[in-house]
Amino acid sequence: SEPAAFGLCQAPGHHAGEDFLGGQCYLNNAAI
């Protein structure tokens, strides 16, 4: 129940799809 938290993600994720990588992204952190 923290009001907010920050994930210092490296590598980034938002270009990675269900079955593809791209834009230096491999796993989609936000979707996960």
All heavy atoms as atom14 arrays in JSON, in Angstrom:
{
  "sequence": "SEPAAFGLCQAPGHHAGEDFLGGQCYLNNAAI",
  "atom14_mask": [
    [1, 1, 1, 1, 1, 1, 0, 0, 0, 0, 0, 0, 0, 0],
    [1, 1, 1, 1, 1, 1, 1, 1, 1, 0, 0, 0, 0, 0],
    [1, 1, 1, 1, 1, 1, 1, 0, 0, 0, 0, 0, 0, 0],
    [1, 1, 1, 1, 1, 0, 0, 0, 0, 0, 0, 0, 0, 0],
    [1, 1, 1, 1, 1, 0, 0, 0, 0, 0, 0, 0, 0, 0],
    [1, 1, 1, 1, 1, 1, 1, 1, 1, 1, 1, 0, 0, 0],
    [1, 1, 1, 1, 0, 0, 0, 0, 0, 0, 0, 0, 0, 0],
    [1, 1, 1, 1, 1, 1, 1, 1, 0, 0, 0, 0, 0, 0],
    [1, 1, 1, 1, 1, 1, 0, 0, 0, 0, 0, 0, 0, 0],
    [1, 1, 1, 1, 1, 1, 1, 1, 1, 0, 0, 0, 0, 0],
    [1, 1, 1, 1, 1, 0, 0, 0, 0, 0, 0, 0, 0, 0],
    [1, 1, 1, 1, 1, 1, 1, 0, 0, 0, 0, 0, 0, 0],
    [1, 1, 1, 1, 0, 0, 0, 0, 0, 0, 0, 0, 0, 0],
    [1, 1, 1, 1, 1, 1, 1, 1, 1, 1, 0, 0, 0, 0],
    [1, 1, 1, 1, 1, 1, 1, 1, 1, 1, 0, 0, 0, 0],
    [1, 1, 1, 1, 1, 0, 0, 0, 0, 0, 0, 0, 0, 0],
    [1, 1, 1, 1, 0, 0, 0, 0, 0, 0, 0, 0, 0, 0],
    [1, 1, 1, 1, 1, 1, 1, 1, 1, 0, 0, 0, 0, 0],
    [1, 1, 1, 1, 1, 1, 1, 1, 0, 0, 0, 0, 0, 0],
    [1, 1, 1, 1, 1, 1, 1, 1, 1, 1, 1, 0, 0, 0],
    [1, 1, 1, 1, 1, 1, 1, 1, 0, 0, 0, 0, 0, 0],
    [1, 1, 1, 1, 0, 0, 0, 0, 0, 0, 0, 0, 0, 0],
    [1, 1, 1, 1, 0, 0, 0, 0, 0, 0, 0, 0, 0, 0],
    [1, 1, 1, 1, 1, 1, 1, 1, 1, 0, 0, 0, 0, 0],
    [1, 1, 1, 1, 1, 1, 0, 0, 0, 0, 0, 0, 0, 0],
    [1, 1, 1, 1, 1, 1, 1, 1, 1, 1, 1, 1, 0, 0],
    [1, 1, 1, 1, 1, 1, 1, 1, 0, 0, 0, 0, 0, 0],
    [1, 1, 1, 1, 1, 1, 1, 1, 0, 0, 0, 0, 0, 0],
    [1, 1, 1, 1, 1, 1, 1, 1, 0, 0, 0, 0, 0, 0],
    [1, 1, 1, 1, 1, 0, 0, 0, 0, 0, 0, 0, 0, 0],
    [1, 1, 1, 1, 1, 0, 0, 0, 0, 0, 0, 0, 0, 0],
    [1, 1, 1, 1, 1, 1, 1, 1, 0, 0, 0, 0, 0, 0]
  ],
  "atom14_positions": [
    [[0.81, -1.23, 0.0], [0.0, 0.0, 0.0], [0.84, 1.27, 0.0], [0.44, 2.3, 0.56], [-0.96, 0.0, 1.2], [-1.85, -1.09, 1.12], [0.0, 0.0, 0.0], [0.0, 0.0, 0.0], [0.0, 0.0, 0.0], [0.0, 0.0, 0.0], [0.0, 0.0, 0.0], [0.0, 0.0, 0.0], [0.0, 0.0, 0.0], [0.0, 0.0, 0.0]],
    [[2.02, 1.21, -0.61], [2.78, 2.43, -0.83], [2.02, 3.28, -1.86], [1.47, 2.75, -2.82], [4.17, 2.12, -1.37], [5.04, 1.29, -0.45], [5.65, 2.12, 0.67], [5.44, 3.36, 0.67], [6.32, 1.54, 1.54], [0.0, 0.0, 0.0], [0.0, 0.0, 0.0], [0.0, 0.0, 0.0], [0.0, 0.0, 0.0], [0.0, 0.0, 0.0]],
    [[1.97, 4.6, -1.68], [1.27, 5.42, -2.67], [1.94, 5.41, -4.03], [1.29, 5.59, -5.06], [1.27, 6.82, -2.06], [2.43, 6.8, -1.09], [2.49, 5.4, -0.57], [0.0, 0.0, 0.0], [0.0, 0.0, 0.0], [0.0, 0.0, 0.0], [0.0, 0.0, 0.0], [0.0, 0.0, 0.0], [0.0, 0.0, 0.0], [0.0, 0.0, 0.0]],
    [[3.26, 5.18, -4.03], [4.0, 5.14, -5.29], [5.33, 4.44, -5.07], [5.84, 4.38, -3.94], [4.25, 6.56, -5.83], [0.0, 0.0, 0.0], [0.0, 0.0, 0.0], [0.0, 0.0, 0.0], [0.0, 0.0, 0.0], [0.0, 0.0, 0.0], [0.0, 0.0, 0.0], [0.0, 0.0, 0.0], [0.0, 0.0, 0.0], [0.0, 0.0, 0.0]],
    [[5.87, 3.89, -6.14], [7.21, 3.3, -6.11], [7.83, 3.49, -7.48], [7.14, 3.56, -8.5], [7.14, 1.82, -5.75], [0.0, 0.0, 0.0], [0.0, 0.0, 0.0], [0.0, 0.0, 0.0], [0.0, 0.0, 0.0], [0.0, 0.0, 0.0], [0.0, 0.0, 0.0], [0.0, 0.0, 0.0], [0.0, 0.0, 0.0], [0.0, 0.0, 0.0]],
    [[9.15, 3.56, -7.5], [9.89, 3.77, -8.73], [10.77, 2.56, -9.01], [11.56, 2.16, -8.15], [10.75, 5.04, -8.61], [11.78, 5.19, -9.71], [11.41, 5.21, -11.04], [13.13, 5.32, -9.4], [12.35, 5.35, -12.05], [14.09, 5.47, -10.39], [13.7, 5.48, -11.72], [0.0, 0.0, 0.0], [0.0, 0.0, 0.0], [0.0, 0.0, 0.0]],
    [[10.63, 1.98, -10.19], [11.47, 0.88, -10.62], [12.56, 1.38, -11.55], [12.26, 1.85, -12.66], [0.0, 0.0, 0.0], [0.0, 0.0, 0.0], [0.0, 0.0, 0.0], [0.0, 0.0, 0.0], [0.0, 0.0, 0.0], [0.0, 0.0, 0.0], [0.0, 0.0, 0.0], [0.0, 0.0, 0.0], [0.0, 0.0, 0.0], [0.0, 0.0, 0.0]],
    [[13.81, 1.25, -11.13], [14.94, 1.7, -11.93], [15.29, 0.58, -12.9], [16.2, -0.21, -12.67], [16.13, 2.04, -11.02], [17.14, 3.07, -11.51], [18.19, 3.33, -10.44], [17.79, 2.69, -12.81], [0.0, 0.0, 0.0], [0.0, 0.0, 0.0], [0.0, 0.0, 0.0], [0.0, 0.0, 0.0], [0.0, 0.0, 0.0], [0.0, 0.0, 0.0]],
    [[14.54, 0.52, -13.97], [14.63, -0.6, -14.91], [15.72, -0.37, -15.96], [15.76, 0.65, -16.62], [13.29, -0.79, -15.64], [11.94, -1.27, -14.55], [0.0, 0.0, 0.0], [0.0, 0.0, 0.0], [0.0, 0.0, 0.0], [0.0, 0.0, 0.0], [0.0, 0.0, 0.0], [0.0, 0.0, 0.0], [0.0, 0.0, 0.0], [0.0, 0.0, 0.0]],
    [[16.57, -1.36, -16.09], [17.59, -1.35, -17.13], [17.84, -2.81, -17.51], [18.3, -3.58, -16.69], [18.89, -0.72, -16.64], [19.93, -0.64, -17.76], [21.09, 0.29, -17.43], [20.91, 1.38, -16.92], [22.29, -0.14, -17.72], [0.0, 0.0, 0.0], [0.0, 0.0, 0.0], [0.0, 0.0, 0.0], [0.0, 0.0, 0.0], [0.0, 0.0, 0.0]],
    [[17.42, -3.24, -18.66], [17.02, -2.52, -19.86], [15.57, -2.01, -19.78], [14.78, -2.5, -18.99], [17.15, -3.46, -21.08], [0.0, 0.0, 0.0], [0.0, 0.0, 0.0], [0.0, 0.0, 0.0], [0.0, 0.0, 0.0], [0.0, 0.0, 0.0], [0.0, 0.0, 0.0], [0.0, 0.0, 0.0], [0.0, 0.0, 0.0], [0.0, 0.0, 0.0]],
    [[15.24, -1.02, -20.67], [13.86, -0.57, -20.77], [12.98, -1.65, -21.39], [13.46, -2.74, -21.71], [13.97, 0.67, -21.67], [15.17, 0.4, -22.52], [16.12, -0.35, -21.63], [0.0, 0.0, 0.0], [0.0, 0.0, 0.0], [0.0, 0.0, 0.0], [0.0, 0.0, 0.0], [0.0, 0.0, 0.0], [0.0, 0.0, 0.0], [0.0, 0.0, 0.0]],
    [[11.68, -1.35, -21.59], [10.82, -2.42, -22.04], [9.72, -2.11, -23.03], [9.19, -3.02, -23.66], [0.0, 0.0, 0.0], [0.0, 0.0, 0.0], [0.0, 0.0, 0.0], [0.0, 0.0, 0.0], [0.0, 0.0, 0.0], [0.0, 0.0, 0.0], [0.0, 0.0, 0.0], [0.0, 0.0, 0.0], [0.0, 0.0, 0.0], [0.0, 0.0, 0.0]],
    [[9.32, -0.84, -23.21], [8.04, -0.59, -23.87], [8.02, -0.88, -25.37], [6.95, -0.91, -25.97], [7.53, 0.82, -23.58], [8.33, 1.93, -24.21], [7.78, 3.17, -24.4], [9.6, 2.0, -24.67], [8.68, 3.97, -24.95], [9.8, 3.27, -25.12], [0.0, 0.0, 0.0], [0.0, 0.0, 0.0], [0.0, 0.0, 0.0], [0.0, 0.0, 0.0]],
    [[9.17, -1.13, -25.99], [9.17, -1.53, -27.4], [9.07, -3.05, -27.58], [8.84, -3.52, -28.7], [10.45, -1.04, -28.1], [10.55, 0.45, -28.2], [9.57, 1.23, -28.77], [11.54, 1.3, -27.79], [9.93, 2.5, -28.7], [11.12, 2.57, -28.11], [0.0, 0.0, 0.0], [0.0, 0.0, 0.0], [0.0, 0.0, 0.0], [0.0, 0.0, 0.0]],
    [[9.24, -3.82, -26.53], [9.19, -5.28, -26.63], [7.74, -5.75, -26.63], [6.93, -5.35, -25.8], [9.94, -5.91, -25.46], [0.0, 0.0, 0.0], [0.0, 0.0, 0.0], [0.0, 0.0, 0.0], [0.0, 0.0, 0.0], [0.0, 0.0, 0.0], [0.0, 0.0, 0.0], [0.0, 0.0, 0.0], [0.0, 0.0, 0.0], [0.0, 0.0, 0.0]],
    [[7.41, -6.63, -27.59], [6.07, -7.16, -27.69], [5.98, -8.56, -27.1], [6.92, -9.06, -26.48], [0.0, 0.0, 0.0], [0.0, 0.0, 0.0], [0.0, 0.0, 0.0], [0.0, 0.0, 0.0], [0.0, 0.0, 0.0], [0.0, 0.0, 0.0], [0.0, 0.0, 0.0], [0.0, 0.0, 0.0], [0.0, 0.0, 0.0], [0.0, 0.0, 0.0]],
    [[4.85, -9.19, -27.32], [4.65, -10.54, -26.81], [5.74, -11.49, -27.27], [6.22, -12.33, -26.5], [3.28, -11.07, -27.24], [3.01, -12.48, -26.81], [1.72, -13.03, -27.38], [1.06, -12.33, -28.18], [1.36, -14.18, -27.05], [0.0, 0.0, 0.0], [0.0, 0.0, 0.0], [0.0, 0.0, 0.0], [0.0, 0.0, 0.0], [0.0, 0.0, 0.0]],
    [[6.15, -11.37, -28.54], [7.14, -12.3, -29.08], [8.18, -11.59, -29.94], [8.65, -12.14, -30.92], [6.45, -13.41, -29.87], [5.7, -12.89, -31.09], [5.56, -11.64, -31.24], [5.26, -13.71, -31.91], [0.0, 0.0, 0.0], [0.0, 0.0, 0.0], [0.0, 0.0, 0.0], [0.0, 0.0, 0.0], [0.0, 0.0, 0.0], [0.0, 0.0, 0.0]],
    [[8.56, -10.4, -29.56], [9.64, -9.73, -30.29], [10.35, -8.71, -29.41], [9.79, -8.17, -28.46], [9.12, -9.05, -31.57], [8.11, -7.96, -31.34], [8.5, -6.66, -31.05], [6.76, -8.23, -31.45], [7.57, -5.65, -30.86], [5.81, -7.23, -31.28], [6.23, -5.94, -30.98], [0.0, 0.0, 0.0], [0.0, 0.0, 0.0], [0.0, 0.0, 0.0]],
    [[11.62, -8.47, -29.75], [12.45, -7.47, -29.11], [12.64, -6.31, -30.07], [12.43, -6.42, -31.27], [13.79, -8.07, -28.7], [14.63, -8.75, -29.79], [15.57, -7.76, -30.49], [15.44, -9.9, -29.22], [0.0, 0.0, 0.0], [0.0, 0.0, 0.0], [0.0, 0.0, 0.0], [0.0, 0.0, 0.0], [0.0, 0.0, 0.0], [0.0, 0.0, 0.0]],
    [[13.06, -5.17, -29.55], [13.33, -4.01, -30.38], [13.58, -2.78, -29.54], [13.19, -2.73, -28.36], [0.0, 0.0, 0.0], [0.0, 0.0, 0.0], [0.0, 0.0, 0.0], [0.0, 0.0, 0.0], [0.0, 0.0, 0.0], [0.0, 0.0, 0.0], [0.0, 0.0, 0.0], [0.0, 0.0, 0.0], [0.0, 0.0, 0.0], [0.0, 0.0, 0.0]],
    [[14.22, -1.78, -30.12], [14.45, -0.53, -29.41], [15.22, -0.7, -28.12], [14.94, 0.0, -27.13], [0.0, 0.0, 0.0], [0.0, 0.0, 0.0], [0.0, 0.0, 0.0], [0.0, 0.0, 0.0], [0.0, 0.0, 0.0], [0.0, 0.0, 0.0], [0.0, 0.0, 0.0], [0.0, 0.0, 0.0], [0.0, 0.0, 0.0], [0.0, 0.0, 0.0]],
    [[16.17, -1.63, -28.09], [16.93, -1.99, -26.89], [16.04, -2.51, -25.77], [16.39, -2.43, -24.59], [17.77, -0.81, -26.38], [18.95, -0.46, -27.27], [18.59, 0.5, -28.38], [18.0, 1.54, -28.14], [18.94, 0.16, -29.59], [0.0, 0.0, 0.0], [0.0, 0.0, 0.0], [0.0, 0.0, 0.0], [0.0, 0.0, 0.0], [0.0, 0.0, 0.0]],
    [[14.88, -3.06, -26.12], [13.94, -3.63, -25.16], [13.77, -5.12, -25.44], [13.62, -5.52, -26.6], [12.58, -2.95, -25.27], [12.6, -1.16, -24.97], [0.0, 0.0, 0.0], [0.0, 0.0, 0.0], [0.0, 0.0, 0.0], [0.0, 0.0, 0.0], [0.0, 0.0, 0.0], [0.0, 0.0, 0.0], [0.0, 0.0, 0.0], [0.0, 0.0, 0.0]],
    [[13.74, -5.92, -24.38], [13.66, -7.37, -24.51], [12.45, -7.95, -23.8], [11.78, -8.84, -24.33], [14.94, -8.0, -23.97], [16.18, -7.48, -24.65], [16.85, -6.36, -24.14], [16.67, -8.06, -25.81], [17.97, -5.85, -24.78], [17.79, -7.56, -26.45], [18.43, -6.45, -25.93], [19.54, -5.94, -26.58], [0.0, 0.0, 0.0], [0.0, 0.0, 0.0]],
    [[12.18, -7.48, -22.6], [10.99, -7.85, -21.85], [10.23, -6.58, -21.52], [10.82, -5.56, -21.15], [11.36, -8.58, -20.55], [12.11, -9.91, -20.71], [12.54, -10.44, -19.35], [11.26, -10.95, -21.45], [0.0, 0.0, 0.0], [0.0, 0.0, 0.0], [0.0, 0.0, 0.0], [0.0, 0.0, 0.0], [0.0, 0.0, 0.0], [0.0, 0.0, 0.0]],
    [[8.9, -6.62, -21.65], [8.12, -5.4, -21.48], [7.78, -5.2, -20.01], [6.82, -5.74, -19.48], [6.85, -5.47, -22.33], [6.19, -4.1, -22.46], [5.92, -3.44, -21.46], [5.95, -3.68, -23.69], [0.0, 0.0, 0.0], [0.0, 0.0, 0.0], [0.0, 0.0, 0.0], [0.0, 0.0, 0.0], [0.0, 0.0, 0.0], [0.0, 0.0, 0.0]],
    [[8.59, -4.39, -19.34], [8.47, -4.2, -17.9], [7.11, -3.65, -17.49], [6.51, -4.12, -16.51], [9.57, -3.26, -17.41], [10.96, -3.75, -17.78], [11.29, -4.91, -17.59], [11.78, -2.86, -18.33], [0.0, 0.0, 0.0], [0.0, 0.0, 0.0], [0.0, 0.0, 0.0], [0.0, 0.0, 0.0], [0.0, 0.0, 0.0], [0.0, 0.0, 0.0]],
    [[6.6, -2.66, -18.21], [5.32, -2.06, -17.85], [4.19, -3.06, -18.01], [3.29, -3.15, -17.17], [5.06, -0.82, -18.71], [0.0, 0.0, 0.0], [0.0, 0.0, 0.0], [0.0, 0.0, 0.0], [0.0, 0.0, 0.0], [0.0, 0.0, 0.0], [0.0, 0.0, 0.0], [0.0, 0.0, 0.0], [0.0, 0.0, 0.0], [0.0, 0.0, 0.0]],
    [[4.21, -3.82, -19.1], [3.17, -4.82, -19.32], [3.24, -5.92, -18.28], [2.21, -6.4, -17.78], [3.3, -5.4, -20.72], [0.0, 0.0, 0.0], [0.0, 0.0, 0.0], [0.0, 0.0, 0.0], [0.0, 0.0, 0.0], [0.0, 0.0, 0.0], [0.0, 0.0, 0.0], [0.0, 0.0, 0.0], [0.0, 0.0, 0.0], [0.0, 0.0, 0.0]],
    [[4.45, -6.36, -17.94], [4.62, -7.41, -16.93], [4.1, -6.93, -15.58], [3.41, -7.67, -14.87], [6.1, -7.82, -16.86], [6.49, -8.58, -18.13], [6.38, -8.66, -15.62], [7.99, -8.77, -18.3], [0.0, 0.0, 0.0], [0.0, 0.0, 0.0], [0.0, 0.0, 0.0], [0.0, 0.0, 0.0], [0.0, 0.0, 0.0], [0.0, 0.0, 0.0]]
  ]
}
